[in-house]
Amino acid sequence: PTTSVGFSASPFSSGQVGEGLSDSRSQLRTELPVTSPVLPVTQTTVLL
């Protein structure tokens, strides 16, 4: 089932969080080449 995500009080604006996530995504894209095999995950990792 689809997991419902709750939002906790954050002291930052959406713009500040968006900039942080863009940097994380860019770094993740460079670290995961398209030729790498996809490995199934037995337990999902969730980041807040």
ModelCIF file with pLDDT and N, C-alpha, C, O atoms, coordinates in Angstrom:
data_MODEL
#
_entry.id   MODEL 
#
_entity.id                         1 
_entity.type                       polymer 
_entity.pdbx_number_of_molecules   1 
#
_entity_poly.entity_id                      1 
_entity_poly.type                           'polypeptide(L)' 
_entity_poly.nstd_linkage                   no 
_entity_poly.nstd_monomer                   no 
_entity_poly.pdbx_seq_one_letter_code       PTTSVGFSASPFSSGQVGEGLSDSRSQLRTELPVTSPVLPVTQTTVLL 
_entity_poly.pdbx_seq_one_letter_code_can   PTTSVGFSASPFSSGQVGEGLSDSRSQLRTELPVTSPVLPVTQTTVLL 
_entity_poly.pdbx_strand_id                 A 
#
loop_
_entity_poly_seq.entity_id 
_entity_poly_seq.num 
_entity_poly_seq.mon_id 
_entity_poly_seq.hetero 
1 1  PRO n 
1 2  THR n 
1 3  THR n 
1 4  SER n 
1 5  VAL n 
1 6  GLY n 
1 7  PHE n 
1 8  SER n 
1 9  ALA n 
1 10 SER n 
1 11 PRO n 
1 12 PHE n 
1 13 SER n 
1 14 SER n 
1 15 GLY n 
1 16 GLN n 
1 17 VAL n 
1 18 GLY n 
1 19 GLU n 
1 20 GLY n 
1 21 LEU n 
1 22 SER n 
1 23 ASP n 
1 24 SER n 
1 25 ARG n 
1 26 SER n 
1 27 GLN n 
1 28 LEU n 
1 29 ARG n 
1 30 THR n 
1 31 GLU n 
1 32 LEU n 
1 33 PRO n 
1 34 VAL n 
1 35 THR n 
1 36 SER n 
1 37 PRO n 
1 38 VAL n 
1 39 LEU n 
1 40 PRO n 
1 41 VAL n 
1 42 THR n 
1 43 GLN n 
1 44 THR n 
1 45 THR n 
1 46 VAL n 
1 47 LEU n 
1 48 LEU n 
#
_struct_asym.id          A 
_struct_asym.entity_id   1 
#
loop_
_ma_qa_metric.id 
_ma_qa_metric.mode 
_ma_qa_metric.name 
_ma_qa_metric.software_group_id 
_ma_qa_metric.type 
1 global pLDDT . pLDDT 
2 local  pLDDT . pLDDT 
#
_ma_qa_metric_global.metric_id      1 
_ma_qa_metric_global.metric_value   42.67 
_ma_qa_metric_global.model_id       1 
_ma_qa_metric_global.ordinal_id     1 
#
loop_
_ma_qa_metric_local.label_asym_id 
_ma_qa_metric_local.label_comp_id 
_ma_qa_metric_local.label_seq_id 
_ma_qa_metric_local.metric_id 
_ma_qa_metric_local.metric_value 
_ma_qa_metric_local.model_id 
_ma_qa_metric_local.ordinal_id 
A PRO 1  2 45.00 1 1  
A THR 2  2 43.00 1 2  
A THR 3  2 40.00 1 3  
A SER 4  2 39.00 1 4  
A VAL 5  2 38.00 1 5  
A GLY 6  2 37.00 1 6  
A PHE 7  2 38.00 1 7  
A SER 8  2 38.00 1 8  
A ALA 9  2 39.00 1 9  
A SER 10 2 42.00 1 10 
A PRO 11 2 41.00 1 11 
A PHE 12 2 40.00 1 12 
A SER 13 2 41.00 1 13 
A SER 14 2 41.00 1 14 
A GLY 15 2 44.00 1 15 
A GLN 16 2 43.00 1 16 
A VAL 17 2 40.00 1 17 
A GLY 18 2 43.00 1 18 
A GLU 19 2 45.00 1 19 
A GLY 20 2 46.00 1 20 
A LEU 21 2 41.00 1 21 
A SER 22 2 46.00 1 22 
A ASP 23 2 49.00 1 23 
A SER 24 2 45.00 1 24 
A ARG 25 2 44.00 1 25 
A SER 26 2 47.00 1 26 
A GLN 27 2 44.00 1 27 
A LEU 28 2 40.00 1 28 
A ARG 29 2 44.00 1 29 
A THR 30 2 42.00 1 30 
A GLU 31 2 42.00 1 31 
A LEU 32 2 42.00 1 32 
A PRO 33 2 43.00 1 33 
A VAL 34 2 42.00 1 34 
A THR 35 2 42.00 1 35 
A SER 36 2 42.00 1 36 
A PRO 37 2 44.00 1 37 
A VAL 38 2 44.00 1 38 
A LEU 39 2 43.00 1 39 
A PRO 40 2 44.00 1 40 
A VAL 41 2 41.00 1 41 
A THR 42 2 42.00 1 42 
A GLN 43 2 45.00 1 43 
A THR 44 2 47.00 1 44 
A THR 45 2 46.00 1 45 
A VAL 46 2 45.00 1 46 
A LEU 47 2 45.00 1 47 
A LEU 48 2 44.00 1 48 
#
loop_
_atom_site.group_PDB 
_atom_site.id 
_atom_site.type_symbol 
_atom_site.label_atom_id 
_atom_site.label_alt_id 
_atom_site.label_comp_id 
_atom_site.label_asym_id 
_atom_site.label_entity_id 
_atom_site.label_seq_id 
_atom_site.pdbx_PDB_ins_code 
_atom_site.Cartn_x 
_atom_site.Cartn_y 
_atom_site.Cartn_z 
_atom_site.occupancy 
_atom_site.B_iso_or_equiv 
_atom_site.pdbx_formal_charge 
_atom_site.auth_seq_id 
_atom_site.auth_comp_id 
_atom_site.auth_asym_id 
_atom_site.auth_atom_id 
_atom_site.pdbx_PDB_model_num 
ATOM 1   N N  . PRO A 1 1  ? 0.825  -1.213 0.000   1.00 45.00 ? 1  PRO A N  1 
ATOM 2   C CA . PRO A 1 1  ? 0.000  0.000  0.000   1.00 45.00 ? 1  PRO A CA 1 
ATOM 3   C C  . PRO A 1 1  ? 0.851  1.251  0.000   1.00 45.00 ? 1  PRO A C  1 
ATOM 4   O O  . PRO A 1 1  ? 2.001  1.267  0.437   1.00 45.00 ? 1  PRO A O  1 
ATOM 5   N N  . THR A 1 2  ? 0.232  2.287  -0.507  1.00 43.00 ? 2  THR A N  1 
ATOM 6   C CA . THR A 1 2  ? 0.933  3.569  -0.543  1.00 43.00 ? 2  THR A CA 1 
ATOM 7   C C  . THR A 1 2  ? 1.081  4.118  0.874   1.00 43.00 ? 2  THR A C  1 
ATOM 8   O O  . THR A 1 2  ? 0.124  4.196  1.645   1.00 43.00 ? 2  THR A O  1 
ATOM 9   N N  . THR A 1 3  ? 2.301  4.489  1.177   1.00 40.00 ? 3  THR A N  1 
ATOM 10  C CA . THR A 1 3  ? 2.593  4.998  2.522   1.00 40.00 ? 3  THR A CA 1 
ATOM 11  C C  . THR A 1 3  ? 2.207  6.457  2.609   1.00 40.00 ? 3  THR A C  1 
ATOM 12  O O  . THR A 1 3  ? 2.578  7.254  1.747   1.00 40.00 ? 3  THR A O  1 
ATOM 13  N N  . SER A 1 4  ? 1.459  6.817  3.654   1.00 39.00 ? 4  SER A N  1 
ATOM 14  C CA . SER A 1 4  ? 1.101  8.224  3.862   1.00 39.00 ? 4  SER A CA 1 
ATOM 15  C C  . SER A 1 4  ? 2.217  8.906  4.622   1.00 39.00 ? 4  SER A C  1 
ATOM 16  O O  . SER A 1 4  ? 2.723  8.398  5.623   1.00 39.00 ? 4  SER A O  1 
ATOM 17  N N  . VAL A 1 5  ? 2.571  10.023 4.138   1.00 38.00 ? 5  VAL A N  1 
ATOM 18  C CA . VAL A 1 5  ? 3.700  10.749 4.725   1.00 38.00 ? 5  VAL A CA 1 
ATOM 19  C C  . VAL A 1 5  ? 3.153  11.942 5.501   1.00 38.00 ? 5  VAL A C  1 
ATOM 20  O O  . VAL A 1 5  ? 2.365  12.731 4.978   1.00 38.00 ? 5  VAL A O  1 
ATOM 21  N N  . GLY A 1 6  ? 3.581  12.062 6.751   1.00 37.00 ? 6  GLY A N  1 
ATOM 22  C CA . GLY A 1 6  ? 3.192  13.219 7.568   1.00 37.00 ? 6  GLY A CA 1 
ATOM 23  C C  . GLY A 1 6  ? 4.238  14.312 7.468   1.00 37.00 ? 6  GLY A C  1 
ATOM 24  O O  . GLY A 1 6  ? 5.422  14.045 7.264   1.00 37.00 ? 6  GLY A O  1 
ATOM 25  N N  . PHE A 1 7  ? 3.787  15.532 7.612   1.00 38.00 ? 7  PHE A N  1 
ATOM 26  C CA . PHE A 1 7  ? 4.702  16.668 7.529   1.00 38.00 ? 7  PHE A CA 1 
ATOM 27  C C  . PHE A 1 7  ? 4.874  17.236 8.929   1.00 38.00 ? 7  PHE A C  1 
ATOM 28  O O  . PHE A 1 7  ? 3.917  17.587 9.618   1.00 38.00 ? 7  PHE A O  1 
ATOM 29  N N  . SER A 1 8  ? 6.139  17.309 9.312   1.00 38.00 ? 8  SER A N  1 
ATOM 30  C CA . SER A 1 8  ? 6.472  17.871 10.629  1.00 38.00 ? 8  SER A CA 1 
ATOM 31  C C  . SER A 1 8  ? 6.790  19.339 10.474  1.00 38.00 ? 8  SER A C  1 
ATOM 32  O O  . SER A 1 8  ? 7.109  19.816 9.385   1.00 38.00 ? 8  SER A O  1 
ATOM 33  N N  . ALA A 1 9  ? 6.698  20.039 11.574  1.00 39.00 ? 9  ALA A N  1 
ATOM 34  C CA . ALA A 1 9  ? 6.975  21.474 11.543  1.00 39.00 ? 9  ALA A CA 1 
ATOM 35  C C  . ALA A 1 9  ? 8.412  21.698 11.182  1.00 39.00 ? 9  ALA A C  1 
ATOM 36  O O  . ALA A 1 9  ? 9.299  21.104 11.795  1.00 39.00 ? 9  ALA A O  1 
ATOM 37  N N  . SER A 1 10 ? 8.668  22.515 10.231  1.00 42.00 ? 10 SER A N  1 
ATOM 38  C CA . SER A 1 10 ? 10.028 22.780 9.780   1.00 42.00 ? 10 SER A CA 1 
ATOM 39  C C  . SER A 1 10 ? 10.288 24.258 9.852   1.00 42.00 ? 10 SER A C  1 
ATOM 40  O O  . SER A 1 10 ? 9.405  25.057 9.543   1.00 42.00 ? 10 SER A O  1 
ATOM 41  N N  . PRO A 1 11 ? 11.469 24.639 10.251  1.00 41.00 ? 11 PRO A N  1 
ATOM 42  C CA . PRO A 1 11 ? 11.781 26.046 10.357  1.00 41.00 ? 11 PRO A CA 1 
ATOM 43  C C  . PRO A 1 11 ? 12.246 26.644 9.069   1.00 41.00 ? 11 PRO A C  1 
ATOM 44  O O  . PRO A 1 11 ? 12.748 27.768 9.066   1.00 41.00 ? 11 PRO A O  1 
ATOM 45  N N  . PHE A 1 12 ? 12.094 25.903 7.909   1.00 40.00 ? 12 PHE A N  1 
ATOM 46  C CA . PHE A 1 12 ? 12.623 26.422 6.658   1.00 40.00 ? 12 PHE A CA 1 
ATOM 47  C C  . PHE A 1 12 ? 11.505 26.590 5.659   1.00 40.00 ? 12 PHE A C  1 
ATOM 48  O O  . PHE A 1 12 ? 10.470 25.928 5.727   1.00 40.00 ? 12 PHE A O  1 
ATOM 49  N N  . SER A 1 13 ? 11.741 27.491 4.735   1.00 41.00 ? 13 SER A N  1 
ATOM 50  C CA . SER A 1 13 ? 10.798 27.724 3.652   1.00 41.00 ? 13 SER A CA 1 
ATOM 51  C C  . SER A 1 13 ? 10.948 26.676 2.590   1.00 41.00 ? 13 SER A C  1 
ATOM 52  O O  . SER A 1 13 ? 11.961 25.977 2.542   1.00 41.00 ? 13 SER A O  1 
ATOM 53  N N  . SER A 1 14 ? 9.941  26.550 1.722   1.00 41.00 ? 14 SER A N  1 
ATOM 54  C CA . SER A 1 14 ? 9.946  25.528 0.665   1.00 41.00 ? 14 SER A CA 1 
ATOM 55  C C  . SER A 1 14 ? 11.061 25.780 -0.306  1.00 41.00 ? 14 SER A C  1 
ATOM 56  O O  . SER A 1 14 ? 11.607 24.830 -0.868  1.00 41.00 ? 14 SER A O  1 
ATOM 57  N N  . GLY A 1 15 ? 11.427 27.041 -0.529  1.00 44.00 ? 15 GLY A N  1 
ATOM 58  C CA . GLY A 1 15 ? 12.523 27.334 -1.444  1.00 44.00 ? 15 GLY A CA 1 
ATOM 59  C C  . GLY A 1 15 ? 13.829 26.809 -0.944  1.00 44.00 ? 15 GLY A C  1 
ATOM 60  O O  . GLY A 1 15 ? 14.631 26.275 -1.710  1.00 44.00 ? 15 GLY A O  1 
ATOM 61  N N  . GLN A 1 16 ? 14.058 26.963 0.396   1.00 43.00 ? 16 GLN A N  1 
ATOM 62  C CA . GLN A 1 16 ? 15.309 26.471 0.954   1.00 43.00 ? 16 GLN A CA 1 
ATOM 63  C C  . GLN A 1 16 ? 15.385 24.965 0.873   1.00 43.00 ? 16 GLN A C  1 
ATOM 64  O O  . GLN A 1 16 ? 16.448 24.430 0.556   1.00 43.00 ? 16 GLN A O  1 
ATOM 65  N N  . VAL A 1 17 ? 14.294 24.253 1.149   1.00 40.00 ? 17 VAL A N  1 
ATOM 66  C CA . VAL A 1 17 ? 14.303 22.792 1.071   1.00 40.00 ? 17 VAL A CA 1 
ATOM 67  C C  . VAL A 1 17 ? 14.496 22.357 -0.364  1.00 40.00 ? 17 VAL A C  1 
ATOM 68  O O  . VAL A 1 17 ? 15.216 21.394 -0.628  1.00 40.00 ? 17 VAL A O  1 
ATOM 69  N N  . GLY A 1 18 ? 13.861 23.056 -1.302  1.00 43.00 ? 18 GLY A N  1 
ATOM 70  C CA . GLY A 1 18 ? 13.992 22.677 -2.712  1.00 43.00 ? 18 GLY A CA 1 
ATOM 71  C C  . GLY A 1 18 ? 15.410 22.778 -3.191  1.00 43.00 ? 18 GLY A C  1 
ATOM 72  O O  . GLY A 1 18 ? 15.866 21.920 -3.946  1.00 43.00 ? 18 GLY A O  1 
ATOM 73  N N  . GLU A 1 19 ? 16.143 23.826 -2.765  1.00 45.00 ? 19 GLU A N  1 
ATOM 74  C CA . GLU A 1 19 ? 17.522 23.959 -3.177  1.00 45.00 ? 19 GLU A CA 1 
ATOM 75  C C  . GLU A 1 19 ? 18.360 22.831 -2.626  1.00 45.00 ? 19 GLU A C  1 
ATOM 76  O O  . GLU A 1 19 ? 19.243 22.313 -3.311  1.00 45.00 ? 19 GLU A O  1 
ATOM 77  N N  . GLY A 1 20 ? 18.086 22.437 -1.364  1.00 46.00 ? 20 GLY A N  1 
ATOM 78  C CA . GLY A 1 20 ? 18.850 21.323 -0.780  1.00 46.00 ? 20 GLY A CA 1 
ATOM 79  C C  . GLY A 1 20 ? 18.582 20.044 -1.508  1.00 46.00 ? 20 GLY A C  1 
ATOM 80  O O  . GLY A 1 20 ? 19.504 19.266 -1.753  1.00 46.00 ? 20 GLY A O  1 
ATOM 81  N N  . LEU A 1 21 ? 17.317 19.799 -1.870  1.00 41.00 ? 21 LEU A N  1 
ATOM 82  C CA . LEU A 1 21 ? 16.986 18.561 -2.563  1.00 41.00 ? 21 LEU A CA 1 
ATOM 83  C C  . LEU A 1 21 ? 17.572 18.528 -3.955  1.00 41.00 ? 21 LEU A C  1 
ATOM 84  O O  . LEU A 1 21 ? 17.962 17.456 -4.419  1.00 41.00 ? 21 LEU A O  1 
ATOM 85  N N  . SER A 1 22 ? 17.651 19.644 -4.638  1.00 46.00 ? 22 SER A N  1 
ATOM 86  C CA . SER A 1 22 ? 18.236 19.681 -5.993  1.00 46.00 ? 22 SER A CA 1 
ATOM 87  C C  . SER A 1 22 ? 19.684 19.284 -5.948  1.00 46.00 ? 22 SER A C  1 
ATOM 88  O O  . SER A 1 22 ? 20.160 18.539 -6.804  1.00 46.00 ? 22 SER A O  1 
ATOM 89  N N  . ASP A 1 23 ? 20.418 19.799 -4.909  1.00 49.00 ? 23 ASP A N  1 
ATOM 90  C CA . ASP A 1 23 ? 21.825 19.420 -4.789  1.00 49.00 ? 23 ASP A CA 1 
ATOM 91  C C  . ASP A 1 23 ? 21.944 17.940 -4.518  1.00 49.00 ? 23 ASP A C  1 
ATOM 92  O O  . ASP A 1 23 ? 22.823 17.279 -5.072  1.00 49.00 ? 23 ASP A O  1 
ATOM 93  N N  . SER A 1 24 ? 21.051 17.387 -3.652  1.00 45.00 ? 24 SER A N  1 
ATOM 94  C CA . SER A 1 24 ? 21.119 15.947 -3.346  1.00 45.00 ? 24 SER A CA 1 
ATOM 95  C C  . SER A 1 24 ? 20.834 15.133 -4.581  1.00 45.00 ? 24 SER A C  1 
ATOM 96  O O  . SER A 1 24 ? 21.482 14.115 -4.824  1.00 45.00 ? 24 SER A O  1 
ATOM 97  N N  . ARG A 1 25 ? 19.872 15.568 -5.362  1.00 44.00 ? 25 ARG A N  1 
ATOM 98  C CA . ARG A 1 25 ? 19.536 14.816 -6.571  1.00 44.00 ? 25 ARG A CA 1 
ATOM 99  C C  . ARG A 1 25 ? 20.678 14.840 -7.577  1.00 44.00 ? 25 ARG A C  1 
ATOM 100 O O  . ARG A 1 25 ? 20.970 13.824 -8.209  1.00 44.00 ? 25 ARG A O  1 
ATOM 101 N N  . SER A 1 26 ? 21.304 15.956 -7.727  1.00 47.00 ? 26 SER A N  1 
ATOM 102 C CA . SER A 1 26 ? 22.426 16.054 -8.660  1.00 47.00 ? 26 SER A CA 1 
ATOM 103 C C  . SER A 1 26 ? 23.548 15.137 -8.239  1.00 47.00 ? 26 SER A C  1 
ATOM 104 O O  . SER A 1 26 ? 24.143 14.442 -9.063  1.00 47.00 ? 26 SER A O  1 
ATOM 105 N N  . GLN A 1 27 ? 23.838 15.139 -6.930  1.00 44.00 ? 27 GLN A N  1 
ATOM 106 C CA . GLN A 1 27 ? 24.893 14.271 -6.444  1.00 44.00 ? 27 GLN A CA 1 
ATOM 107 C C  . GLN A 1 27 ? 24.526 12.818 -6.637  1.00 44.00 ? 27 GLN A C  1 
ATOM 108 O O  . GLN A 1 27 ? 25.386 12.010 -6.989  1.00 44.00 ? 27 GLN A O  1 
ATOM 109 N N  . LEU A 1 28 ? 23.260 12.457 -6.415  1.00 40.00 ? 28 LEU A N  1 
ATOM 110 C CA . LEU A 1 28 ? 22.824 11.072 -6.585  1.00 40.00 ? 28 LEU A CA 1 
ATOM 111 C C  . LEU A 1 28 ? 22.887 10.657 -8.040  1.00 40.00 ? 28 LEU A C  1 
ATOM 112 O O  . LEU A 1 28 ? 23.200 9.507  -8.345  1.00 40.00 ? 28 LEU A O  1 
ATOM 113 N N  . ARG A 1 29 ? 22.593 11.583 -8.942  1.00 44.00 ? 29 ARG A N  1 
ATOM 114 C CA . ARG A 1 29 ? 22.635 11.261 -10.365 1.00 44.00 ? 29 ARG A CA 1 
ATOM 115 C C  . ARG A 1 29 ? 24.049 10.978 -10.812 1.00 44.00 ? 29 ARG A C  1 
ATOM 116 O O  . ARG A 1 29 ? 24.262 10.109 -11.657 1.00 44.00 ? 29 ARG A O  1 
ATOM 117 N N  . THR A 1 30 ? 24.999 11.669 -10.280 1.00 42.00 ? 30 THR A N  1 
ATOM 118 C CA . THR A 1 30 ? 26.388 11.433 -10.671 1.00 42.00 ? 30 THR A CA 1 
ATOM 119 C C  . THR A 1 30 ? 26.909 10.146 -10.092 1.00 42.00 ? 30 THR A C  1 
ATOM 120 O O  . THR A 1 30 ? 27.784 9.513  -10.682 1.00 42.00 ? 30 THR A O  1 
ATOM 121 N N  . GLU A 1 31 ? 26.391 9.744  -8.948  1.00 42.00 ? 31 GLU A N  1 
ATOM 122 C CA . GLU A 1 31 ? 26.878 8.528  -8.316  1.00 42.00 ? 31 GLU A CA 1 
ATOM 123 C C  . GLU A 1 31 ? 26.208 7.276  -8.860  1.00 42.00 ? 31 GLU A C  1 
ATOM 124 O O  . GLU A 1 31 ? 26.745 6.187  -8.658  1.00 42.00 ? 31 GLU A O  1 
ATOM 125 N N  . LEU A 1 32 ? 25.046 7.365  -9.551  1.00 42.00 ? 32 LEU A N  1 
ATOM 126 C CA . LEU A 1 32 ? 24.332 6.199  -10.098 1.00 42.00 ? 32 LEU A CA 1 
ATOM 127 C C  . LEU A 1 32 ? 24.343 6.265  -11.620 1.00 42.00 ? 32 LEU A C  1 
ATOM 128 O O  . LEU A 1 32 ? 23.452 6.877  -12.209 1.00 42.00 ? 32 LEU A O  1 
ATOM 129 N N  . PRO A 1 33 ? 25.322 5.656  -12.268 1.00 43.00 ? 33 PRO A N  1 
ATOM 130 C CA . PRO A 1 33 ? 25.347 5.627  -13.740 1.00 43.00 ? 33 PRO A CA 1 
ATOM 131 C C  . PRO A 1 33 ? 24.246 4.728  -14.251 1.00 43.00 ? 33 PRO A C  1 
ATOM 132 O O  . PRO A 1 33 ? 23.770 3.839  -13.544 1.00 43.00 ? 33 PRO A O  1 
ATOM 133 N N  . VAL A 1 34 ? 23.847 4.967  -15.482 1.00 42.00 ? 34 VAL A N  1 
ATOM 134 C CA . VAL A 1 34 ? 22.730 4.228  -16.066 1.00 42.00 ? 34 VAL A CA 1 
ATOM 135 C C  . VAL A 1 34 ? 23.106 2.801  -16.381 1.00 42.00 ? 34 VAL A C  1 
ATOM 136 O O  . VAL A 1 34 ? 22.231 1.956  -16.572 1.00 42.00 ? 34 VAL A O  1 
ATOM 137 N N  . THR A 1 35 ? 24.389 2.519  -16.440 1.00 42.00 ? 35 THR A N  1 
ATOM 138 C CA . THR A 1 35 ? 24.803 1.170  -16.793 1.00 42.00 ? 35 THR A CA 1 
ATOM 139 C C  . THR A 1 35 ? 24.894 0.279  -15.598 1.00 42.00 ? 35 THR A C  1 
ATOM 140 O O  . THR A 1 35 ? 25.124 -0.923 -15.734 1.00 42.00 ? 35 THR A O  1 
ATOM 141 N N  . SER A 1 36 ? 24.716 0.847  -14.403 1.00 42.00 ? 36 SER A N  1 
ATOM 142 C CA . SER A 1 36 ? 24.829 0.013  -13.194 1.00 42.00 ? 36 SER A CA 1 
ATOM 143 C C  . SER A 1 36 ? 23.613 -0.853 -13.061 1.00 42.00 ? 36 SER A C  1 
ATOM 144 O O  . SER A 1 36 ? 22.510 -0.423 -13.397 1.00 42.00 ? 36 SER A O  1 
ATOM 145 N N  . PRO A 1 37 ? 23.778 -2.045 -12.588 1.00 44.00 ? 37 PRO A N  1 
ATOM 146 C CA . PRO A 1 37 ? 22.644 -2.954 -12.431 1.00 44.00 ? 37 PRO A CA 1 
ATOM 147 C C  . PRO A 1 37 ? 21.701 -2.472 -11.346 1.00 44.00 ? 37 PRO A C  1 
ATOM 148 O O  . PRO A 1 37 ? 22.119 -1.865 -10.360 1.00 44.00 ? 37 PRO A O  1 
ATOM 149 N N  . VAL A 1 38 ? 20.433 -2.751 -11.543 1.00 44.00 ? 38 VAL A N  1 
ATOM 150 C CA . VAL A 1 38 ? 19.434 -2.380 -10.541 1.00 44.00 ? 38 VAL A CA 1 
ATOM 151 C C  . VAL A 1 38 ? 19.312 -3.499 -9.550  1.00 44.00 ? 38 VAL A C  1 
ATOM 152 O O  . VAL A 1 38 ? 19.018 -4.639 -9.910  1.00 44.00 ? 38 VAL A O  1 
ATOM 153 N N  . LEU A 1 39 ? 19.535 -3.176 -8.321  1.00 43.00 ? 39 LEU A N  1 
ATOM 154 C CA . LEU A 1 39 ? 19.502 -4.178 -7.275  1.00 43.00 ? 39 LEU A CA 1 
ATOM 155 C C  . LEU A 1 39 ? 18.208 -4.035 -6.501  1.00 43.00 ? 39 LEU A C  1 
ATOM 156 O O  . LEU A 1 39 ? 17.875 -2.939 -6.049  1.00 43.00 ? 39 LEU A O  1 
ATOM 157 N N  . PRO A 1 40 ? 17.483 -5.109 -6.342  1.00 44.00 ? 40 PRO A N  1 
ATOM 158 C CA . PRO A 1 40 ? 16.246 -5.014 -5.550  1.00 44.00 ? 40 PRO A CA 1 
ATOM 159 C C  . PRO A 1 40 ? 16.551 -4.776 -4.087  1.00 44.00 ? 40 PRO A C  1 
ATOM 160 O O  . PRO A 1 40 ? 17.576 -5.219 -3.569  1.00 44.00 ? 40 PRO A O  1 
ATOM 161 N N  . VAL A 1 41 ? 15.665 -4.084 -3.441  1.00 41.00 ? 41 VAL A N  1 
ATOM 162 C CA . VAL A 1 41 ? 15.850 -3.760 -2.030  1.00 41.00 ? 41 VAL A CA 1 
ATOM 163 C C  . VAL A 1 41 ? 14.848 -4.538 -1.213  1.00 41.00 ? 41 VAL A C  1 
ATOM 164 O O  . VAL A 1 41 ? 13.647 -4.524 -1.486  1.00 41.00 ? 41 VAL A O  1 
ATOM 165 N N  . THR A 1 42 ? 15.359 -5.215 -0.208  1.00 42.00 ? 42 THR A N  1 
ATOM 166 C CA . THR A 1 42 ? 14.458 -5.996 0.636   1.00 42.00 ? 42 THR A CA 1 
ATOM 167 C C  . THR A 1 42 ? 13.748 -5.111 1.649   1.00 42.00 ? 42 THR A C  1 
ATOM 168 O O  . THR A 1 42 ? 12.674 -5.460 2.138   1.00 42.00 ? 42 THR A O  1 
ATOM 169 N N  . GLN A 1 43 ? 14.350 -3.957 1.969   1.00 45.00 ? 43 GLN A N  1 
ATOM 170 C CA . GLN A 1 43 ? 13.684 -3.034 2.919   1.00 45.00 ? 43 GLN A CA 1 
ATOM 171 C C  . GLN A 1 43 ? 13.964 -1.617 2.469   1.00 45.00 ? 43 GLN A C  1 
ATOM 172 O O  . GLN A 1 43 ? 15.111 -1.253 2.209   1.00 45.00 ? 43 GLN A O  1 
ATOM 173 N N  . THR A 1 44 ? 12.927 -0.827 2.377   1.00 47.00 ? 44 THR A N  1 
ATOM 174 C CA . THR A 1 44 ? 13.056 0.510  1.813   1.00 47.00 ? 44 THR A CA 1 
ATOM 175 C C  . THR A 1 44 ? 13.699 1.461  2.825   1.00 47.00 ? 44 THR A C  1 
ATOM 176 O O  . THR A 1 44 ? 13.380 1.438  4.014   1.00 47.00 ? 44 THR A O  1 
ATOM 177 N N  . THR A 1 45 ? 14.607 2.293  2.325   1.00 46.00 ? 45 THR A N  1 
ATOM 178 C CA . THR A 1 45 ? 15.220 3.330  3.147   1.00 46.00 ? 45 THR A CA 1 
ATOM 179 C C  . THR A 1 45 ? 14.465 4.622  2.924   1.00 46.00 ? 45 THR A C  1 
ATOM 180 O O  . THR A 1 45 ? 14.264 5.037  1.782   1.00 46.00 ? 45 THR A O  1 
ATOM 181 N N  . VAL A 1 46 ? 14.043 5.263  4.009   1.00 45.00 ? 46 VAL A N  1 
ATOM 182 C CA . VAL A 1 46 ? 13.270 6.494  3.928   1.00 45.00 ? 46 VAL A CA 1 
ATOM 183 C C  . VAL A 1 46 ? 14.054 7.602  4.611   1.00 45.00 ? 46 VAL A C  1 
ATOM 184 O O  . VAL A 1 46 ? 14.515 7.452  5.743   1.00 45.00 ? 46 VAL A O  1 
ATOM 185 N N  . LEU A 1 47 ? 14.197 8.717  3.904   1.00 45.00 ? 47 LEU A N  1 
ATOM 186 C CA . LEU A 1 47 ? 14.896 9.883  4.442   1.00 45.00 ? 47 LEU A CA 1 
ATOM 187 C C  . LEU A 1 47 ? 13.890 10.996 4.708   1.00 45.00 ? 47 LEU A C  1 
ATOM 188 O O  . LEU A 1 47 ? 13.037 11.290 3.870   1.00 45.00 ? 47 LEU A O  1 
ATOM 189 N N  . LEU A 1 48 ? 13.999 11.614 5.890   1.00 44.00 ? 48 LEU A N  1 
ATOM 190 C CA . LEU A 1 48 ? 13.162 12.762 6.235   1.00 44.00 ? 48 LEU A CA 1 
ATOM 191 C C  . LEU A 1 48 ? 14.007 14.007 6.077   1.00 44.00 ? 48 LEU A C  1 
ATOM 192 O O  . LEU A 1 48 ? 13.524 15.115 6.311   1.00 44.00 ? 48 LEU A O  1 
#
